[in-house]
Amino acid sequence: MNKFLSLFYLILIVGPLTGCGSSDLDDEGKFSIRFLGNGSAQVNSEDLQCTEDCEHLITFSTLETNSLVSNTRHFTAEASAAEDSQFLGWLASNRDLVSFDYPCDDDPVCEVVMQETCAVSLPIPVVCVANSINDLELRPVTVLKDSLIDWDRASDALCVLQQPGIAQCWQTTVELYRHFERTAAPVLNQPTAISGAGNMACALDQSGVHCWSDKPERMLAEPSAHFGLQQVEAIAVRFGYYGCALALGDVTCWQGQAAAQVPELVDPRNLRRDGHAICVDEGAGEAGTDGETLCWSTIGGQYNEWRTP
């Protein structure tokens, strides 16, 4: 385990259907919780209370012939960081079919709702149309305060930059992206910033911008060298292998391995990601008004830009 990063796991495991061949169906799942790192978590529900490492078997429903069952289970998970650590947020994965949960993000209290739906009809004795009791893994992340340089949270990724220059990202989505977590980041020299979304991340260090992904053929690994960027001040990455850098009063963006369209800017500053868009604040000038924010995005091949006061 990375000695600079404490990452502990909260794992909720619910097993598959067992018995789709009789007149009734018992759906039993296993709930387990395991802690790694400087922190703890607590999970409460009507039939389950767990504050330490534990494992429980819980029965969700019994289906009778020619019936339709739709049931929900509510869990409240609360994470606590140790005194020397900072809680950054939750990672959730392995949600399939029609199961759902409320986004937890950076709130230490995470409300989880699991839904199951299974129909039984004739003449077939038992037909499981949909069952959403699937594996759920919640991972609360804490980082040692003294080691934290920068971190970034997108809707589908969480990236952390730590002393002496260790970059690491985790996916918050299903197994489709899980292998990105095991992709090695480049060696960094005195890094100052990190940004990540989807399965691409970029970090800024003394030599420029460096990016990585589990699909390197879809992105630029060295944007600074490719575009000749000097004195980069800020970086921002959004979903779709799209990145931008602010350098010497100018913004350069790329998508995939090619340059991307950028609006005309006047004195841009505070480069950042906002949802699926990239935004900057503009200063006074012929093409800008003091205090305006300009954002742009390319979704489905369509480029759009807009201003807000």
C-alpha atoms as a PDB file:
ATOM      1  CA  MET A   1       0.000   0.000   0.000  1.00  0.00           C
ATOM      2  CA  ASN A   2       1.282   3.441  -0.909  1.00  0.00           C
ATOM      3  CA  LYS A   3       2.726   4.803   2.316  1.00  0.00           C
ATOM      4  CA  PHE A   4       1.763   8.306   1.313  1.00  0.00           C
ATOM      5  CA  LEU A   5      -1.840   7.456   0.604  1.00  0.00           C
ATOM      6  CA  SER A   6      -4.316   5.755   2.854  1.00  0.00           C
ATOM      7  CA  LEU A   7      -7.112   4.197   0.833  1.00  0.00           C
ATOM      8  CA  PHE A   8      -9.585   2.060   2.667  1.00  0.00           C
ATOM      9  CA  TYR A   9     -12.349   0.022   1.179  1.00  0.00           C
ATOM     10  CA  LEU A  10     -15.963  -0.405   2.076  1.00  0.00           C
ATOM     11  CA  ILE A  11     -17.197  -3.401   0.119  1.00  0.00           C
ATOM     12  CA  LEU A  12     -20.836  -4.358  -0.215  1.00  0.00           C
ATOM     13  CA  ILE A  13     -21.251  -7.708  -1.926  1.00  0.00           C
ATOM     14  CA  VAL A  14     -24.606  -9.136  -2.841  1.00  0.00           C
ATOM     15  CA  GLY A  15     -24.739 -12.499  -4.545  1.00  0.00           C
ATOM     16  CA  PRO A  16     -26.561 -13.534  -7.735  1.00  0.00           C
ATOM     17  CA  LEU A  17     -29.970 -15.161  -7.976  1.00  0.00           C
ATOM     18  CA  THR A  18     -30.140 -18.655  -6.509  1.00  0.00           C
ATOM     19  CA  GLY A  19     -33.060 -20.819  -7.499  1.00  0.00           C
ATOM     20  CA  CYS A  20     -34.738 -19.644 -10.719  1.00  0.00           C
ATOM     21  CA  GLY A  21     -36.381 -23.009 -11.171  1.00  0.00           C
ATOM     22  CA  SER A  22     -38.859 -23.400  -8.333  1.00  0.00           C
ATOM     23  CA  SER A  23     -42.081 -21.736  -7.255  1.00  0.00           C
ATOM     24  CA  ASP A  24     -40.304 -19.398  -4.883  1.00  0.00           C
ATOM     25  CA  LEU A  25     -36.977 -17.638  -4.834  1.00  0.00           C
ATOM     26  CA  ASP A  26     -34.791 -16.677  -1.901  1.00  0.00           C
ATOM     27  CA  ASP A  27     -32.305 -13.979  -2.799  1.00  0.00           C
ATOM     28  CA  GLU A  28     -29.570 -13.938  -0.204  1.00  0.00           C
ATOM     29  CA  GLY A  29     -26.597 -11.633  -0.303  1.00  0.00           C
ATOM     30  CA  LYS A  30     -23.378 -11.173   1.585  1.00  0.00           C
ATOM     31  CA  PHE A  31     -22.428  -7.840   3.083  1.00  0.00           C
ATOM     32  CA  SER A  32     -18.810  -7.354   4.092  1.00  0.00           C
ATOM     33  CA  ILE A  33     -16.769  -4.376   5.183  1.00  0.00           C
ATOM     34  CA  ARG A  34     -12.987  -4.059   5.299  1.00  0.00           C
ATOM     35  CA  PHE A  35     -10.812  -1.131   6.346  1.00  0.00           C
ATOM     36  CA  LEU A  36      -7.407  -0.225   4.947  1.00  0.00           C
ATOM     37  CA  GLY A  37      -5.660   3.030   5.867  1.00  0.00           C
ATOM     38  CA  ASN A  38      -6.066   5.867   8.328  1.00  0.00           C
ATOM     39  CA  GLY A  39      -9.802   5.988   8.797  1.00  0.00           C
ATOM     40  CA  SER A  40     -12.932   4.116   9.690  1.00  0.00           C
ATOM     41  CA  ALA A  41     -16.474   3.734   8.436  1.00  0.00           C
ATOM     42  CA  GLN A  42     -19.851   2.931   9.858  1.00  0.00           C
ATOM     43  CA  VAL A  43     -22.798   1.329   8.082  1.00  0.00           C
ATOM     44  CA  ASN A  44     -26.330   1.232   9.445  1.00  0.00           C
ATOM     45  CA  SER A  45     -29.616  -0.191   8.188  1.00  0.00           C
ATOM     46  CA  GLU A  46     -32.697  -1.729   9.735  1.00  0.00           C
ATOM     47  CA  ASP A  47     -31.153  -5.175   9.881  1.00  0.00           C
ATOM     48  CA  LEU A  48     -27.447  -4.448   9.791  1.00  0.00           C
ATOM     49  CA  GLN A  49     -25.107  -2.460  12.005  1.00  0.00           C
ATOM     50  CA  CYS A  50     -21.391  -2.618  11.437  1.00  0.00           C
ATOM     51  CA  THR A  51     -18.612  -0.415  12.776  1.00  0.00           C
ATOM     52  CA  GLU A  52     -15.676  -2.816  12.451  1.00  0.00           C
ATOM     53  CA  ASP A  53     -14.535  -5.507  10.030  1.00  0.00           C
ATOM     54  CA  CYS A  54     -17.575  -7.707   9.626  1.00  0.00           C
ATOM     55  CA  GLU A  55     -19.542  -9.972   7.334  1.00  0.00           C
ATOM     56  CA  HIS A  56     -23.289 -10.584   7.205  1.00  0.00           C
ATOM     57  CA  LEU A  57     -25.746 -12.628   5.175  1.00  0.00           C
ATOM     58  CA  ILE A  58     -28.996 -10.827   4.438  1.00  0.00           C
ATOM     59  CA  THR A  59     -32.136 -12.034   2.649  1.00  0.00           C
ATOM     60  CA  PHE A  60     -33.709  -9.486   0.329  1.00  0.00           C
ATOM     61  CA  SER A  61     -36.966 -11.082  -0.815  1.00  0.00           C
ATOM     62  CA  THR A  62     -38.929 -14.248  -1.467  1.00  0.00           C
ATOM     63  CA  LEU A  63     -40.724 -14.407  -4.816  1.00  0.00           C
ATOM     64  CA  GLU A  64     -43.970 -16.343  -5.159  1.00  0.00           C
ATOM     65  CA  THR A  65     -45.390 -17.783  -8.377  1.00  0.00           C
ATOM     66  CA  ASN A  66     -46.957 -15.293 -10.788  1.00  0.00           C
ATOM     67  CA  SER A  67     -45.840 -12.255  -8.796  1.00  0.00           C
ATOM     68  CA  LEU A  68     -43.858  -9.092  -9.285  1.00  0.00           C
ATOM     69  CA  VAL A  69     -41.552  -7.863  -6.570  1.00  0.00           C
ATOM     70  CA  SER A  70     -39.901  -4.466  -6.434  1.00  0.00           C
ATOM     71  CA  ASN A  71     -38.093  -3.783  -3.216  1.00  0.00           C
ATOM     72  CA  THR A  72     -35.525  -1.289  -1.970  1.00  0.00           C
ATOM     73  CA  ARG A  73     -32.944  -1.433   0.763  1.00  0.00           C
ATOM     74  CA  HIS A  74     -31.401   1.673   2.301  1.00  0.00           C
ATOM     75  CA  PHE A  75     -27.904   1.862   3.735  1.00  0.00           C
ATOM     76  CA  THR A  76     -26.163   4.819   5.345  1.00  0.00           C
ATOM     77  CA  ALA A  77     -22.372   4.706   5.250  1.00  0.00           C
ATOM     78  CA  GLU A  78     -20.321   7.300   7.102  1.00  0.00           C
ATOM     79  CA  ALA A  79     -16.545   7.670   6.760  1.00  0.00           C
ATOM     80  CA  SER A  80     -14.193   9.262   9.268  1.00  0.00           C
ATOM     81  CA  ALA A  81     -10.594  10.241   8.523  1.00  0.00           C
ATOM     82  CA  ALA A  82      -7.847   9.941  11.099  1.00  0.00           C
ATOM     83  CA  GLU A  83      -6.484  13.174  12.591  1.00  0.00           C
ATOM     84  CA  ASP A  84      -3.466  13.159  10.279  1.00  0.00           C
ATOM     85  CA  SER A  85      -5.561  12.527   7.150  1.00  0.00           C
ATOM     86  CA  GLN A  86      -8.065  14.339   4.938  1.00  0.00           C
ATOM     87  CA  PHE A  87     -11.194  12.695   3.587  1.00  0.00           C
ATOM     88  CA  LEU A  88     -11.440  13.284  -0.184  1.00  0.00           C
ATOM     89  CA  GLY A  89     -14.557  11.391  -1.157  1.00  0.00           C
ATOM     90  CA  TRP A  90     -16.192   8.115  -2.064  1.00  0.00           C
ATOM     91  CA  LEU A  91     -15.620   5.889  -5.044  1.00  0.00           C
ATOM     92  CA  ALA A  92     -18.513   3.692  -6.106  1.00  0.00           C
ATOM     93  CA  SER A  93     -18.460   0.949  -8.706  1.00  0.00           C
ATOM     94  CA  ASN A  94     -20.118  -2.217  -9.933  1.00  0.00           C
ATOM     95  CA  ARG A  95     -23.645  -0.871 -10.352  1.00  0.00           C
ATOM     96  CA  ASP A  96     -25.564  -2.846 -12.981  1.00  0.00           C
ATOM     97  CA  LEU A  97     -29.069  -3.271 -14.379  1.00  0.00           C
ATOM     98  CA  VAL A  98     -31.594  -1.084 -12.547  1.00  0.00           C
ATOM     99  CA  SER A  99     -29.864  -0.796  -9.211  1.00  0.00           C
ATOM    100  CA  PHE A 100     -29.090   2.744  -8.186  1.00  0.00           C
ATOM    101  CA  ASP A 101     -27.644   4.836  -5.404  1.00  0.00           C
ATOM    102  CA  TYR A 102     -27.426   8.488  -4.497  1.00  0.00           C
ATOM    103  CA  PRO A 103     -24.132  10.158  -5.426  1.00  0.00           C
ATOM    104  CA  CYS A 104     -21.907  10.378  -2.376  1.00  0.00           C
ATOM    105  CA  ASP A 105     -19.016  12.389  -3.829  1.00  0.00           C
ATOM    106  CA  ASP A 106     -17.201  14.263  -1.046  1.00  0.00           C
ATOM    107  CA  ASP A 107     -19.864  14.036   1.665  1.00  0.00           C
ATOM    108  CA  PRO A 108     -18.645  11.761   4.487  1.00  0.00           C
ATOM    109  CA  VAL A 109     -22.232  10.509   4.848  1.00  0.00           C
ATOM    110  CA  CYS A 110     -23.229   8.326   1.900  1.00  0.00           C
ATOM    111  CA  GLU A 111     -26.862   7.285   1.405  1.00  0.00           C
ATOM    112  CA  VAL A 112     -27.101   4.129  -0.695  1.00  0.00           C
ATOM    113  CA  VAL A 113     -30.331   2.724  -2.121  1.00  0.00           C
ATOM    114  CA  MET A 114     -30.396  -0.739  -3.673  1.00  0.00           C
ATOM    115  CA  GLN A 115     -33.417  -1.806  -5.706  1.00  0.00           C
ATOM    116  CA  GLU A 116     -34.413  -5.299  -6.777  1.00  0.00           C
ATOM    117  CA  THR A 117     -37.067  -6.201  -9.329  1.00  0.00           C
ATOM    118  CA  CYS A 118     -37.912  -9.762 -10.304  1.00  0.00           C
ATOM    119  CA  ALA A 119     -41.023 -11.120 -11.994  1.00  0.00           C
ATOM    120  CA  VAL A 120     -42.450 -14.624 -11.866  1.00  0.00           C
ATOM    121  CA  SER A 121     -44.988 -15.580 -14.550  1.00  0.00           C
ATOM    122  CA  LEU A 122     -46.822 -18.584 -15.956  1.00  0.00           C
ATOM    123  CA  PRO A 123     -46.590 -20.990 -17.743  1.00  0.00           C
ATOM    124  CA  ILE A 124     -42.900 -20.846 -16.861  1.00  0.00           C
ATOM    125  CA  PRO A 125     -42.757 -21.453 -13.089  1.00  0.00           C
ATOM    126  CA  VAL A 126     -40.156 -18.774 -12.396  1.00  0.00           C
ATOM    127  CA  VAL A 127     -38.871 -16.080 -14.721  1.00  0.00           C
ATOM    128  CA  CYS A 128     -36.410 -13.560 -13.369  1.00  0.00           C
ATOM    129  CA  VAL A 129     -36.927 -10.576 -15.635  1.00  0.00           C
ATOM    130  CA  ALA A 130     -34.535  -8.264 -13.895  1.00  0.00           C
ATOM    131  CA  ASN A 131     -32.673  -8.473 -10.664  1.00  0.00           C
ATOM    132  CA  SER A 132     -30.558  -5.573  -9.566  1.00  0.00           C
ATOM    133  CA  ILE A 133     -28.983  -6.987  -6.457  1.00  0.00           C
ATOM    134  CA  ASN A 134     -25.454  -6.704  -7.761  1.00  0.00           C
ATOM    135  CA  ASP A 135     -22.012  -6.255  -6.324  1.00  0.00           C
ATOM    136  CA  LEU A 136     -21.546  -2.807  -4.874  1.00  0.00           C
ATOM    137  CA  GLU A 137     -18.183  -1.486  -3.793  1.00  0.00           C
ATOM    138  CA  LEU A 138     -17.859   1.789  -1.909  1.00  0.00           C
ATOM    139  CA  ARG A 139     -14.362   3.086  -1.284  1.00  0.00           C
ATOM    140  CA  PRO A 140     -13.830   6.093   0.968  1.00  0.00           C
ATOM    141  CA  VAL A 141     -10.474   7.750   0.218  1.00  0.00           C
ATOM    142  CA  THR A 142      -8.291   9.557   2.727  1.00  0.00           C
ATOM    143  CA  VAL A 143      -4.868  11.111   2.190  1.00  0.00           C
ATOM    144  CA  LEU A 144      -2.194  12.110   4.674  1.00  0.00           C
ATOM    145  CA  LYS A 145      -2.473  15.890   5.017  1.00  0.00           C
ATOM    146  CA  ASP A 146       1.286  16.480   5.007  1.00  0.00           C
ATOM    147  CA  SER A 147       1.726  14.635   1.706  1.00  0.00           C
ATOM    148  CA  LEU A 148      -1.142  16.168  -0.290  1.00  0.00           C
ATOM    149  CA  ILE A 149      -0.118  18.545  -3.109  1.00  0.00           C
ATOM    150  CA  ASP A 150      -3.283  18.678  -5.216  1.00  0.00           C
ATOM    151  CA  TRP A 151      -6.320  16.584  -6.043  1.00  0.00           C
ATOM    152  CA  ASP A 152      -9.151  16.603  -8.556  1.00  0.00           C
ATOM    153  CA  ARG A 153     -12.584  15.026  -8.570  1.00  0.00           C
ATOM    154  CA  ALA A 154     -14.615  14.513 -11.737  1.00  0.00           C
ATOM    155  CA  SER A 155     -17.897  12.644 -11.937  1.00  0.00           C
ATOM    156  CA  ASP A 156     -16.061   9.511 -13.033  1.00  0.00           C
ATOM    157  CA  ALA A 157     -12.560   9.820 -11.573  1.00  0.00           C
ATOM    158  CA  LEU A 158     -10.618  10.943  -8.525  1.00  0.00           C
ATOM    159  CA  CYS A 159      -6.940  11.881  -8.874  1.00  0.00           C
ATOM    160  CA  VAL A 160      -4.434  12.655  -6.138  1.00  0.00           C
ATOM    161  CA  LEU A 161      -0.980  14.239  -6.300  1.00  0.00           C
ATOM    162  CA  GLN A 162       1.301  13.676  -3.308  1.00  0.00           C
ATOM    163  CA  GLN A 163       4.803  14.296  -2.091  1.00  0.00           C
ATOM    164  CA  PRO A 164       7.411  13.760  -3.362  1.00  0.00           C
ATOM    165  CA  GLY A 165       5.668  13.576  -6.759  1.00  0.00           C
ATOM    166  CA  ILE A 166       3.354  10.578  -6.750  1.00  0.00           C
ATOM    167  CA  ALA A 167       0.276  10.754  -8.988  1.00  0.00           C
ATOM    168  CA  GLN A 168      -2.554   8.256  -8.731  1.00  0.00           C
ATOM    169  CA  CYS A 169      -6.103   8.072 -10.102  1.00  0.00           C
ATOM    170  CA  TRP A 170      -9.111   5.863  -9.450  1.00  0.00           C
ATOM    171  CA  GLN A 171     -12.207   5.331 -11.518  1.00  0.00           C
ATOM    172  CA  THR A 172     -15.607   5.835  -9.961  1.00  0.00           C
ATOM    173  CA  THR A 173     -17.377   3.846 -12.677  1.00  0.00           C
ATOM    174  CA  VAL A 174     -17.935   0.142 -13.333  1.00  0.00           C
ATOM    175  CA  GLU A 175     -15.286  -2.406 -14.261  1.00  0.00           C
ATOM    176  CA  LEU A 176     -15.041  -0.956 -17.775  1.00  0.00           C
ATOM    177  CA  TYR A 177     -12.479   1.549 -16.517  1.00  0.00           C
ATOM    178  CA  ARG A 178     -11.066  -0.252 -13.508  1.00  0.00           C
ATOM    179  CA  HIS A 179      -7.804  -1.140 -15.257  1.00  0.00           C
ATOM    180  CA  PHE A 180      -6.959   2.585 -15.559  1.00  0.00           C
ATOM    181  CA  GLU A 181      -6.298   2.522 -11.828  1.00  0.00           C
ATOM    182  CA  ARG A 182      -3.391   0.171 -12.451  1.00  0.00           C
ATOM    183  CA  THR A 183      -1.881   2.310 -15.239  1.00  0.00           C
ATOM    184  CA  ALA A 184       1.460   3.757 -14.182  1.00  0.00           C
ATOM    185  CA  ALA A 185       1.719   7.542 -14.090  1.00  0.00           C
ATOM    186  CA  PRO A 186       4.794   9.260 -15.587  1.00  0.00           C
ATOM    187  CA  VAL A 187       7.755  10.182 -13.415  1.00  0.00           C
ATOM    188  CA  LEU A 188       7.187  13.753 -12.225  1.00  0.00           C
ATOM    189  CA  ASN A 189       9.640  16.464 -11.160  1.00  0.00           C
ATOM    190  CA  GLN A 190       8.260  18.754  -8.454  1.00  0.00           C
ATOM    191  CA  PRO A 191       4.634  18.585  -9.656  1.00  0.00           C
ATOM    192  CA  THR A 192       2.132  21.258  -8.692  1.00  0.00           C
ATOM    193  CA  ALA A 193      -1.232  20.279 -10.210  1.00  0.00           C
ATOM    194  CA  ILE A 194      -3.268  17.297 -11.396  1.00  0.00           C
ATOM    195  CA  SER A 195      -6.503  16.938 -13.379  1.00  0.00           C
ATOM    196  CA  GLY A 196      -8.317  13.814 -14.523  1.00  0.00           C
ATOM    197  CA  ALA A 197     -11.597  12.669 -16.052  1.00  0.00           C
ATOM    198  CA  GLY A 198     -12.753   9.519 -17.790  1.00  0.00           C
ATOM    199  CA  ASN A 199      -9.656   7.370 -18.112  1.00  0.00           C
ATOM    200  CA  MET A 200      -7.119  10.134 -18.830  1.00  0.00           C
ATOM    201  CA  ALA A 201      -5.219  12.304 -16.387  1.00  0.00           C
ATOM    202  CA  CYS A 202      -2.603  15.036 -16.712  1.00  0.00           C
ATOM    203  CA  ALA A 203      -0.136  16.478 -14.232  1.00  0.00           C
ATOM    204  CA  LEU A 204       1.878  19.688 -14.317  1.00  0.00           C
ATOM    205  CA  ASP A 205       5.485  19.707 -13.143  1.00  0.00           C
ATOM    206  CA  GLN A 206       8.650  21.758 -13.696  1.00  0.00           C
ATOM    207  CA  SER A 207       9.071  20.480 -17.259  1.00  0.00           C
ATOM    208  CA  GLY A 208       5.475  20.910 -18.420  1.00  0.00           C
ATOM    209  CA  VAL A 209       2.307  18.863 -18.868  1.00  0.00           C
ATOM    210  CA  HIS A 210       2.394  15.055 -18.802  1.00  0.00           C
ATOM    211  CA  CYS A 211      -0.654  12.846 -19.467  1.00  0.00           C
ATOM    212  CA  TRP A 212      -1.399   9.144 -19.160  1.00  0.00           C
ATOM    213  CA  SER A 213      -4.189   6.663 -19.823  1.00  0.00           C
ATOM    214  CA  ASP A 214      -4.743   2.937 -20.163  1.00  0.00           C
ATOM    215  CA  LYS A 215      -5.313   3.715 -23.874  1.00  0.00           C
ATOM    216  CA  PRO A 216      -2.237   5.819 -24.723  1.00  0.00           C
ATOM    217  CA  GLU A 217      -2.942   5.630 -28.444  1.00  0.00           C
ATOM    218  CA  ARG A 218      -5.974   7.888 -27.913  1.00  0.00           C
ATOM    219  CA  MET A 219      -4.203  10.828 -26.267  1.00  0.00           C
ATOM    220  CA  LEU A 220      -1.158  13.077 -26.227  1.00  0.00           C
ATOM    221  CA  ALA A 221       1.329  11.976 -23.614  1.00  0.00           C
ATOM    222  CA  GLU A 222       3.438  15.156 -23.786  1.00  0.00           C
ATOM    223  CA  PRO A 223       1.295  18.189 -24.720  1.00  0.00           C
ATOM    224  CA  SER A 224       4.001  20.685 -23.708  1.00  0.00           C
ATOM    225  CA  ALA A 225       6.500  19.186 -26.123  1.00  0.00           C
ATOM    226  CA  HIS A 226       3.899  18.728 -28.869  1.00  0.00           C
ATOM    227  CA  PHE A 227       2.634  22.323 -28.784  1.00  0.00           C
ATOM    228  CA  GLY A 228       5.809  24.001 -27.523  1.00  0.00           C
ATOM    229  CA  LEU A 229       4.151  25.212 -24.328  1.00  0.00           C
ATOM    230  CA  GLN A 230       6.258  27.300 -21.954  1.00  0.00           C
ATOM    231  CA  GLN A 231       5.537  28.408 -18.390  1.00  0.00           C
ATOM    232  CA  VAL A 232       2.264  26.523 -18.024  1.00  0.00           C
ATOM    233  CA  GLU A 233       0.168  27.970 -15.207  1.00  0.00           C
ATOM    234  CA  ALA A 234      -2.830  25.620 -15.068  1.00  0.00           C
ATOM    235  CA  ILE A 235      -4.321  22.496 -16.644  1.00  0.00           C
ATOM    236  CA  ALA A 236      -7.829  21.059 -16.974  1.00  0.00           C
ATOM    237  CA  VAL A 237      -8.997  17.676 -18.275  1.00  0.00           C
ATOM    238  CA  ARG A 238     -12.531  16.620 -19.127  1.00  0.00           C
ATOM    239  CA  PHE A 239     -14.139  13.435 -20.428  1.00  0.00           C
ATOM    240  CA  GLY A 240     -13.302  12.404 -23.996  1.00  0.00           C
ATOM    241  CA  TYR A 241      -9.476  12.601 -23.901  1.00  0.00           C
ATOM    242  CA  TYR A 242      -9.816  16.392 -23.883  1.00  0.00           C
ATOM    243  CA  GLY A 243      -7.271  18.603 -22.133  1.00  0.00           C
ATOM    244  CA  CYS A 244      -6.330  22.277 -21.926  1.00  0.00           C
ATOM    245  CA  ALA A 245      -3.365  24.254 -20.628  1.00  0.00           C
ATOM    246  CA  LEU A 246      -3.010  27.938 -19.755  1.00  0.00           C
ATOM    247  CA  ALA A 247       0.466  29.240 -20.610  1.00  0.00           C
ATOM    248  CA  LEU A 248       1.772  32.790 -21.067  1.00  0.00           C
ATOM    249  CA  GLY A 249      -1.730  34.249 -21.245  1.00  0.00           C
ATOM    250  CA  ASP A 250      -2.970  31.814 -23.883  1.00  0.00           C
ATOM    251  CA  VAL A 251      -5.066  28.632 -23.720  1.00  0.00           C
ATOM    252  CA  THR A 252      -4.175  25.569 -25.791  1.00  0.00           C
ATOM    253  CA  CYS A 253      -6.543  22.598 -25.974  1.00  0.00           C
ATOM    254  CA  TRP A 254      -6.328  19.168 -27.519  1.00  0.00           C
ATOM    255  CA  GLN A 255      -8.631  16.200 -27.995  1.00  0.00           C
ATOM    256  CA  GLY A 256      -7.195  12.804 -28.710  1.00  0.00           C
ATOM    257  CA  GLN A 257      -3.892  13.482 -30.447  1.00  0.00           C
ATOM    258  CA  ALA A 258      -4.877  16.692 -32.261  1.00  0.00           C
ATOM    259  CA  ALA A 259      -5.376  20.345 -31.428  1.00  0.00           C
ATOM    260  CA  ALA A 260      -8.922  21.314 -30.438  1.00  0.00           C
ATOM    261  CA  GLN A 261     -10.867  24.480 -31.123  1.00  0.00           C
ATOM    262  CA  VAL A 262     -10.472  27.260 -28.560  1.00  0.00           C
ATOM    263  CA  PRO A 263     -12.497  30.503 -28.427  1.00  0.00           C
ATOM    264  CA  GLU A 264     -10.848  33.889 -28.765  1.00  0.00           C
ATOM    265  CA  LEU A 265      -9.825  34.921 -25.279  1.00  0.00           C
ATOM    266  CA  VAL A 266      -8.706  38.145 -23.640  1.00  0.00           C
ATOM    267  CA  ASP A 267      -6.537  37.847 -20.547  1.00  0.00           C
ATOM    268  CA  PRO A 268      -7.795  34.356 -19.602  1.00  0.00           C
ATOM    269  CA  ARG A 269      -7.224  33.128 -16.075  1.00  0.00           C
ATOM    270  CA  ASN A 270      -8.513  30.501 -13.655  1.00  0.00           C
ATOM    271  CA  LEU A 271      -8.646  27.675 -16.209  1.00  0.00           C
ATOM    272  CA  ARG A 272     -10.894  24.900 -14.919  1.00  0.00           C
ATOM    273  CA  ARG A 273     -13.296  22.082 -15.782  1.00  0.00           C
ATOM    274  CA  ASP A 274     -17.001  22.620 -15.147  1.00  0.00           C
ATOM    275  CA  GLY A 275     -18.962  19.453 -15.884  1.00  0.00           C
ATOM    276  CA  HIS A 276     -18.310  18.584 -19.543  1.00  0.00           C
ATOM    277  CA  ALA A 277     -17.034  22.101 -20.298  1.00  0.00           C
ATOM    278  CA  ILE A 278     -13.767  23.994 -19.920  1.00  0.00           C
ATOM    279  CA  CYS A 279     -14.049  27.509 -18.484  1.00  0.00           C
ATOM    280  CA  VAL A 280     -11.881  30.577 -17.901  1.00  0.00           C
ATOM    281  CA  ASP A 281     -12.425  33.983 -16.363  1.00  0.00           C
ATOM    282  CA  GLU A 282     -11.690  36.901 -18.671  1.00  0.00           C
ATOM    283  CA  GLY A 283     -10.329  40.351 -17.936  1.00  0.00           C
ATOM    284  CA  ALA A 284     -11.354  43.692 -19.456  1.00  0.00           C
ATOM    285  CA  GLY A 285     -10.565  44.237 -23.123  1.00  0.00           C
ATOM    286  CA  GLU A 286     -12.022  44.663 -26.589  1.00  0.00           C
ATOM    287  CA  ALA A 287     -13.448  41.148 -26.691  1.00  0.00           C
ATOM    288  CA  GLY A 288     -14.210  40.707 -23.017  1.00  0.00           C
ATOM    289  CA  THR A 289     -15.817  42.357 -20.042  1.00  0.00           C
ATOM    290  CA  ASP A 290     -14.308  42.331 -16.612  1.00  0.00           C
ATOM    291  CA  GLY A 291     -15.879  39.611 -14.507  1.00  0.00           C
ATOM    292  CA  GLU A 292     -17.146  37.414 -17.362  1.00  0.00           C
ATOM    293  CA  THR A 293     -16.739  33.660 -17.515  1.00  0.00           C
ATOM    294  CA  LEU A 294     -16.365  31.964 -20.890  1.00  0.00           C
ATOM    295  CA  CYS A 295     -16.988  28.229 -21.252  1.00  0.00           C
ATOM    296  CA  TRP A 296     -16.813  25.862 -24.212  1.00  0.00           C
ATOM    297  CA  SER A 297     -17.346  22.185 -24.938  1.00  0.00           C
ATOM    298  CA  THR A 298     -17.484  19.696 -27.778  1.00  0.00           C
ATOM    299  CA  ILE A 299     -20.136  17.019 -27.337  1.00  0.00           C
ATOM    300  CA  GLY A 300     -21.143  14.687 -30.138  1.00  0.00           C
ATOM    301  CA  GLY A 301     -18.871  16.571 -32.524  1.00  0.00           C
ATOM    302  CA  GLN A 302     -20.731  19.841 -31.889  1.00  0.00           C
ATOM    303  CA  TYR A 303     -18.667  22.789 -30.593  1.00  0.00           C
ATOM    304  CA  ASN A 304     -20.417  25.293 -28.313  1.00  0.00           C
ATOM    305  CA  GLU A 305     -19.299  28.280 -26.265  1.00  0.00           C
ATOM    306  CA  TRP A 306     -21.155  30.611 -23.920  1.00  0.00           C
ATOM    307  CA  ARG A 307     -20.547  33.541 -21.578  1.00  0.00           C
ATOM    308  CA  THR A 308     -21.908  34.211 -18.107  1.00  0.00           C
ATOM    309  CA  PRO A 309     -21.482  37.330 -15.923  1.00  0.00           C
END
